[in-house]
Every structure is written in C-alpha cells, then in structure tokens.
C-alpha cells in the first residue's frame, strides 16, 4: 500500500458530524475529482474506504446517493462515483451556491467555507480525490493536482491563508500545488485530520537525520583513518631510508628512539604511540620528531642525487 493510500485510509475513518464541514468536504472532493461539470460530476478513486466515505458524505450533504457507486465489499481496480441525474446535479449546485441555470463553475465559492473547520474539511476532501504524497523515507513531497487553472490559484491562496507556503507548477496539463518542507507537510496532515501520518513522517525524519549523522561520522572517521595510515606509511618510508644512510648512526637519541618505536608499532595512531615513550611524550613533541626524521630522509635523498 502506498503512503498516500495509508493517509487517505486514516482520513476516511474520521467522523463527519457538522453539516457545514460535510458540505465543505464533499465540495473539495468533487472539485478535485475526475469531472466537475454542469452535466456530470465524477470521482474515480483506487481506495474503497475513500469511496465509502464520499458516498456517506453525499447522502449527508444532499440527501441522496450517487447515481453510480462501487458495491460494498472488496474491490479490485478503480471505483467510480457518478452524479449525472439532472435533478441531483441541480440540487448539488444549489448546495454549493451555484444558481440552477449556471454551469458548474470551476471557481472556488468561499461562501461554502464558513469557518476554519470548513476550510480544513474542504482541503481534506480535495486531498482525498486530487492529492498524493511520496513515502517520507524517500522524499518529502505532498501535492494537490487539478486541470483547472483558476481553481488551482484560488486553492493556493486558501492554503496560504492557513499559513502554508505552497508552490505551484504545471505538469502534464495539470496544475499541481505542492509542499516540500517536512514541517509544512506535517502541519498539513495534522490540519486535515491525519495525525498518525504526520507522526510517521516525524519519526521517519528523525531516523533519516540520525542515519545521516552516523554516516557523516563514519565517513569522517574513515577519512581520518586514511590520513593516519598515509602519514604512517610516509614516516616509515622515511625512517627506512634513513636506516640505510650514514645519518642513521649519528641520529640523536630522541630521534633514534622515535624512529625505532614507529617501526615497531607501524599501525598505531600518534596518541597511542606517545604512551610508548618513558616518560610519555606529548603529541606535539612526537609530531615534531617525526617531521624532523622525514626532513632528514629528504636531505639524504638530495645528497645521494
């Protein structure tokens, strides 16, 4: 099951009590459905729970059923909800504030959205039929799509009035309103009545952030280990060159001790090598000695050349 389907299943279980919110939700669902015209209103959905909820909303808002709706029980493929009876269409348009003689306008009638709860219900209905969301473990992306430009711009303004910051784009003939910020998507899901989905998104984000921090730490440690190994190999190479040069026998005792310890413990980092000295040597002091050995090895190479 896709994450969008999980969100819509959660939304489909919400109670629908207030008549104004019922009207607003079915309004959003029909506007963002497959067809919203004077002679036909059609919704096509792959979710049986969504189809069942919308059928109930239709009866509660208008007092009648869709002319066509999916049968109860398990169903495969897409389910279609259709209003085509003239009397029903006229009644629905009247509920939404359109005159009986008017075509079903594809503009938003804000008078249907009496309160903020109605606005949230409208957006919920729009998401049920025209919304989708990617799995949060892949990408943060939620969108509402409609082929109707004026409607998309009006809903964009409606979402901004709710303190969201959506963007809009045109894709395959559809106007797509979308959110990409995880916090905005969390707030959107909570606002339309899907707190469990919002919590899943938050948990996924925490897991991703933790995984990214661990990966960065491992990468950093791996890089540091690589630098340590490279430095150790350079130091050992320099000391080996010194051992076969006349300078080896003339090395001061501190440098000779350092060279011998480095050869005896080639894999140890400087911190551990410092503890091998008696008394223990500081890291800066050890670094100074190793740099001196490397410099002397270069001098022997230049002298040999």
Protein backbone atom coordinates (compact mmCIF):
# COMPACT_ATOMS: atom_id res chain seq x y z
CA UNK A 1 0.00 0.00 0.00
CA UNK A 2 1.34 3.44 -0.93
CA UNK A 3 1.78 6.11 1.72
CA UNK A 4 -0.93 8.20 0.02
CA UNK A 5 -3.34 5.27 0.43
CA UNK A 6 -2.42 4.97 4.11
CA UNK A 7 -3.10 8.69 4.65
CA UNK A 8 -6.44 8.50 2.82
CA UNK A 9 -7.45 5.40 4.78
CA UNK A 10 -6.78 7.31 8.00
CA UNK A 11 -8.81 10.29 6.76
CA UNK A 12 -11.68 8.02 5.74
CA UNK A 13 -12.15 6.92 9.36
CA UNK A 14 -12.77 10.45 10.64
CA UNK A 15 -16.25 11.26 11.95
CA UNK A 16 -18.27 13.70 9.82
CA UNK A 17 -20.60 15.49 12.23
CA UNK A 18 -21.00 19.18 11.41
CA UNK A 19 -23.24 19.77 8.36
CA UNK A 20 -21.14 22.73 7.22
CA UNK A 21 -17.97 20.62 7.26
CA UNK A 22 -19.68 17.72 5.50
CA UNK A 23 -20.73 20.09 2.72
CA UNK A 24 -17.21 21.59 2.52
CA UNK A 25 -15.51 18.19 2.33
CA UNK A 26 -17.70 16.78 -0.45
CA UNK A 27 -17.27 20.11 -2.25
CA UNK A 28 -13.47 19.74 -2.19
CA UNK A 29 -13.71 16.09 -3.24
CA UNK A 30 -15.95 16.87 -6.23
CA UNK A 31 -13.92 19.90 -7.36
CA UNK A 32 -10.67 17.88 -7.32
CA UNK A 33 -12.29 14.73 -8.66
CA UNK A 34 -12.22 13.44 -12.21
CA UNK A 35 -15.03 15.63 -13.62
CA UNK A 36 -16.97 18.65 -12.29
CA UNK A 37 -19.34 19.88 -14.99
CA UNK A 38 -22.92 21.02 -15.39
CA UNK A 39 -23.97 17.65 -16.84
CA UNK A 40 -21.75 15.35 -14.79
CA UNK A 41 -19.79 15.13 -11.55
CA UNK A 42 -17.49 12.13 -11.40
CA UNK A 43 -14.92 10.87 -8.90
CA UNK A 44 -12.56 8.00 -9.69
CA UNK A 45 -10.59 6.51 -6.81
CA UNK A 46 -8.47 3.45 -6.16
CA UNK A 47 -9.43 3.46 -2.48
CA UNK A 48 -12.57 1.67 -1.35
CA UNK A 49 -12.50 3.42 2.07
CA UNK A 50 -12.42 6.79 0.26
CA UNK A 51 -15.31 5.73 -1.98
CA UNK A 52 -17.31 4.67 1.06
CA UNK A 53 -16.65 7.95 2.87
CA UNK A 54 -17.61 10.05 -0.13
CA UNK A 55 -20.81 8.08 -0.62
CA UNK A 56 -21.73 8.79 3.01
CA UNK A 57 -20.85 12.48 2.60
CA UNK A 58 -23.03 12.68 -0.49
CA UNK A 59 -26.05 11.35 1.39
CA UNK A 60 -25.39 13.63 4.36
CA UNK A 61 -24.84 16.78 2.27
CA UNK A 62 -27.51 16.32 -0.42
CA UNK A 63 -29.93 13.72 0.92
CA UNK A 64 -29.36 11.33 -1.99
CA UNK A 65 -26.85 8.77 -3.28
CA UNK A 66 -24.52 8.95 -6.23
CA UNK A 67 -26.14 7.60 -9.38
CA UNK A 68 -23.27 5.14 -9.58
CA UNK A 69 -21.12 3.92 -6.73
CA UNK A 70 -18.96 0.86 -6.07
CA UNK A 71 -20.60 -2.15 -4.46
CA UNK A 72 -19.84 -2.85 -0.82
CA UNK A 73 -17.09 -5.35 -0.09
CA UNK A 74 -13.63 -5.99 -1.56
CA UNK A 75 -12.99 -4.47 -4.95
CA UNK A 76 -10.09 -4.50 -7.39
CA UNK A 77 -9.05 -1.60 -9.59
CA UNK A 78 -10.64 1.82 -9.59
CA UNK A 79 -14.02 2.76 -8.14
CA UNK A 80 -16.24 5.36 -9.82
CA UNK A 81 -18.76 7.65 -8.11
CA UNK A 82 -21.04 9.45 -10.55
CA UNK A 83 -23.71 12.14 -10.42
CA UNK A 84 -25.48 12.53 -13.77
CA UNK A 85 -29.18 12.91 -12.88
CA UNK A 86 -30.25 16.47 -13.71
CA UNK A 87 -32.26 16.96 -10.57
CA UNK A 88 -29.41 15.75 -8.37
CA UNK A 89 -26.88 17.91 -10.20
CA UNK A 90 -29.14 20.94 -9.79
CA UNK A 91 -29.54 20.23 -6.08
CA UNK A 92 -25.78 19.80 -5.62
CA UNK A 93 -25.04 23.06 -7.43
CA UNK A 94 -27.55 24.84 -5.22
CA UNK A 95 -25.88 23.47 -2.06
CA UNK A 96 -22.55 24.84 -3.35
CA UNK A 97 -24.09 28.23 -4.07
CA UNK A 98 -24.37 27.99 -7.86
CA UNK A 99 -27.62 29.10 -9.46
CA UNK A 100 -29.78 26.43 -11.07
CA UNK A 101 -29.21 27.94 -14.50
CA UNK A 102 -25.44 28.31 -14.05
CA UNK A 103 -22.89 25.87 -15.31
CA UNK A 104 -20.93 24.24 -12.52
CA UNK A 105 -18.21 26.86 -12.30
CA UNK A 106 -14.68 25.73 -11.72
CA UNK A 107 -14.01 28.57 -9.33
CA UNK A 108 -13.95 28.27 -5.58
CA UNK A 109 -17.06 29.57 -3.80
CA UNK A 110 -15.62 30.77 -0.49
CA UNK A 111 -19.14 31.19 0.92
CA UNK A 112 -19.23 27.38 1.34
CA UNK A 113 -16.24 27.65 3.69
CA UNK A 114 -17.94 29.35 6.62
CA UNK A 115 -15.33 28.67 9.30
CA UNK A 116 -11.74 27.46 9.51
CA UNK A 117 -13.01 23.94 10.28
CA UNK A 118 -14.89 24.03 6.95
CA UNK A 119 -11.74 25.19 5.15
CA UNK A 120 -9.79 22.26 6.61
CA UNK A 121 -12.61 19.90 5.64
CA UNK A 122 -12.58 21.26 2.10
CA UNK A 123 -8.82 20.69 1.83
CA UNK A 124 -9.28 17.17 3.21
CA UNK A 125 -11.84 16.43 0.50
CA UNK A 126 -9.51 17.85 -2.14
CA UNK A 127 -6.69 15.61 -0.91
CA UNK A 128 -8.93 12.52 -0.90
CA UNK A 129 -9.55 12.83 -4.64
CA UNK A 130 -6.76 15.02 -6.02
CA UNK A 131 -3.92 14.58 -3.54
CA UNK A 132 -0.89 12.36 -3.26
CA UNK A 133 2.20 12.07 -1.11
CA UNK A 134 5.52 10.32 -1.53
CA UNK A 135 6.80 7.94 1.14
CA UNK A 136 8.73 10.12 3.61
CA UNK A 137 11.66 7.70 3.69
CA UNK A 138 12.21 8.54 0.01
CA UNK A 139 11.32 12.20 -0.34
CA UNK A 140 9.25 14.94 1.32
CA UNK A 141 6.60 15.83 -1.25
CA UNK A 142 2.83 16.33 -0.99
CA UNK A 143 0.64 17.68 -3.77
CA UNK A 144 -2.87 18.53 -4.95
CA UNK A 145 -3.47 18.32 -8.70
CA UNK A 146 -6.25 19.73 -10.87
CA UNK A 147 -6.57 20.50 -14.59
CA UNK A 148 -8.33 23.79 -13.77
CA UNK A 149 -6.05 26.84 -13.55
CA UNK A 150 -8.39 29.32 -11.81
CA UNK A 151 -9.32 26.75 -9.17
CA UNK A 152 -5.66 25.92 -8.50
CA UNK A 153 -4.77 29.57 -7.94
CA UNK A 154 -7.73 30.08 -5.61
CA UNK A 155 -6.84 27.00 -3.54
CA UNK A 156 -3.22 28.16 -3.48
CA UNK A 157 -4.41 31.43 -1.88
CA UNK A 158 -6.61 29.46 0.51
CA UNK A 159 -3.64 27.38 1.73
CA UNK A 160 -1.52 30.49 2.16
CA UNK A 161 -4.29 31.96 4.31
CA UNK A 162 -3.86 28.86 6.51
CA UNK A 163 -0.15 29.77 6.94
CA UNK A 164 1.18 27.21 4.46
CA UNK A 165 3.72 28.19 1.81
CA UNK A 166 2.85 26.00 -1.19
CA UNK A 167 4.20 26.38 -4.68
CA UNK A 168 2.51 25.61 -7.97
CA UNK A 169 3.70 24.11 -11.24
CA UNK A 170 2.23 22.78 -14.47
CA UNK A 171 2.74 19.09 -15.16
CA UNK A 172 1.15 17.07 -17.98
CA UNK A 173 -1.72 19.55 -18.30
CA UNK A 174 -2.43 19.62 -14.57
CA UNK A 175 -1.86 22.49 -12.17
CA UNK A 176 -0.01 20.97 -9.24
CA UNK A 177 0.06 22.65 -5.83
CA UNK A 178 2.83 21.15 -3.73
CA UNK A 179 4.67 21.26 -0.41
CA UNK A 180 8.24 20.06 0.04
CA UNK A 181 9.22 21.17 3.55
CA UNK A 182 8.72 18.31 6.01
CA UNK A 183 7.39 20.64 8.74
CA UNK A 184 4.79 22.08 6.34
CA UNK A 185 3.67 18.58 5.32
CA UNK A 186 3.42 17.53 8.98
CA UNK A 187 1.21 20.57 9.71
CA UNK A 188 -0.88 19.94 6.59
CA UNK A 189 -1.56 16.31 7.54
CA UNK A 190 -2.44 17.31 11.08
CA UNK A 191 -4.73 20.08 9.84
CA UNK A 192 -6.77 17.79 7.58
CA UNK A 193 -7.10 15.08 10.24
CA UNK A 194 -4.21 12.66 9.68
CA UNK A 195 -2.06 13.00 12.84
CA UNK A 196 -0.85 9.38 12.65
CA UNK A 197 0.57 10.01 9.18
CA UNK A 198 2.17 13.23 10.46
CA UNK A 199 3.74 11.28 13.34
CA UNK A 200 5.08 8.67 10.90
CA UNK A 201 6.67 11.46 8.88
CA UNK A 202 8.27 12.95 12.01
CA UNK A 203 9.61 9.55 13.12
CA UNK A 204 10.99 8.88 9.64
CA UNK A 205 12.67 12.28 9.59
CA UNK A 206 14.35 11.58 12.97
CA UNK A 207 15.57 8.20 11.69
CA UNK A 208 16.91 9.77 8.49
CA UNK A 209 18.66 12.55 10.40
CA UNK A 210 20.22 10.02 12.79
CA UNK A 211 21.32 7.81 9.90
CA UNK A 212 22.85 10.79 8.12
CA UNK A 213 24.73 11.86 11.25
CA UNK A 214 26.07 8.32 11.73
CA UNK A 215 27.13 8.17 8.08
CA UNK A 216 28.87 11.53 8.33
CA UNK A 217 30.70 10.39 11.46
CA UNK A 218 31.74 7.10 9.87
CA UNK A 219 32.89 8.91 6.73
CA UNK A 220 34.84 11.41 8.82
CA UNK A 221 36.45 8.64 10.87
CA UNK A 222 37.27 6.70 7.71
CA UNK A 223 38.85 9.79 6.17
CA UNK A 224 40.86 10.43 9.35
CA UNK A 225 41.97 6.80 9.43
CA UNK A 226 43.07 7.08 5.83
CA UNK A 227 45.10 10.17 6.64
CA UNK A 228 46.64 8.42 9.65
CA UNK A 229 47.62 5.38 7.56
CA UNK A 230 49.06 7.58 4.79
CA UNK A 231 51.07 9.62 7.29
CA UNK A 232 52.35 6.46 9.00
CA UNK A 233 53.43 4.96 5.68
CA UNK A 234 55.27 8.17 4.79
CA UNK A 235 57.02 8.21 8.17
CA UNK A 236 58.04 4.55 7.95
CA UNK A 237 59.31 5.02 4.40
CA UNK A 238 61.42 7.96 5.54
CA UNK A 239 62.81 6.02 8.51
CA UNK A 240 63.66 3.02 6.30
CA UNK A 241 65.63 5.31 4.00
CA UNK A 242 67.47 6.76 6.98
CA UNK A 243 68.41 3.28 8.23
CA UNK A 244 70.46 2.60 5.11
CA UNK A 245 72.11 6.01 5.16
CA UNK A 246 75.17 7.23 7.10
CA UNK A 247 72.89 9.59 9.07
CA UNK A 248 71.30 6.69 10.96
CA UNK A 249 74.27 6.14 13.27
CA UNK A 250 74.53 9.87 14.02
CA UNK A 251 70.88 10.40 14.95
CA UNK A 252 70.32 11.97 18.39
CA UNK A 253 68.93 9.52 20.96
CA UNK A 254 65.40 11.06 21.00
CA UNK A 255 65.10 10.77 17.22
CA UNK A 256 66.55 7.25 17.22
CA UNK A 257 64.06 6.14 19.89
CA UNK A 258 61.20 7.72 17.93
CA UNK A 259 62.26 6.01 14.71
CA UNK A 260 62.53 2.60 16.37
CA UNK A 261 59.12 2.89 18.07
CA UNK A 262 57.47 3.99 14.83
CA UNK A 263 58.92 0.93 13.06
CA UNK A 264 57.90 -1.39 15.89
CA UNK A 265 54.30 -0.09 16.01
CA UNK A 266 53.51 0.98 12.44
CA UNK A 267 49.70 0.79 12.80
CA UNK A 268 49.29 2.77 16.00
CA UNK A 269 47.93 6.34 15.90
CA UNK A 270 50.08 9.07 17.40
CA UNK A 271 48.09 9.22 20.63
CA UNK A 272 48.88 5.58 21.42
CA UNK A 273 52.47 5.86 20.20
CA UNK A 274 53.04 8.78 22.60
CA UNK A 275 52.30 6.46 25.53
CA UNK A 276 55.11 4.10 24.44
CA UNK A 277 57.76 6.59 25.49
CA UNK A 278 59.19 6.67 29.00
CA UNK A 279 58.18 9.17 30.20
CA UNK A 280 55.21 9.53 27.78
CA UNK A 281 55.73 12.08 25.06
CA UNK A 282 53.24 14.80 24.11
CA UNK A 283 51.56 14.63 20.72
CA UNK A 284 53.13 17.90 19.54
CA UNK A 285 56.56 16.67 20.57
CA UNK A 286 56.11 13.38 18.72
CA UNK A 287 54.90 15.22 15.63
CA UNK A 288 57.98 17.44 15.76
CA UNK A 289 60.32 14.43 15.92
CA UNK A 290 58.58 12.60 13.07
CA UNK A 291 58.69 15.70 10.87
CA UNK A 292 62.40 16.01 11.66
CA UNK A 293 63.00 12.37 10.63
CA UNK A 294 61.10 12.91 7.39
CA UNK A 295 63.09 16.07 6.68
CA UNK A 296 66.40 14.24 7.29
CA UNK A 297 65.34 11.47 4.92
CA UNK A 298 64.69 14.04 2.20
CA UNK A 299 68.16 15.51 2.80
CA UNK A 300 69.76 12.10 2.33
CA UNK A 301 67.90 11.71 -0.97
CA UNK A 302 69.10 15.12 -2.17
CA UNK A 303 72.62 14.31 -1.04
CA UNK A 304 72.52 10.98 -2.88
CA UNK A 305 71.26 12.69 -6.01
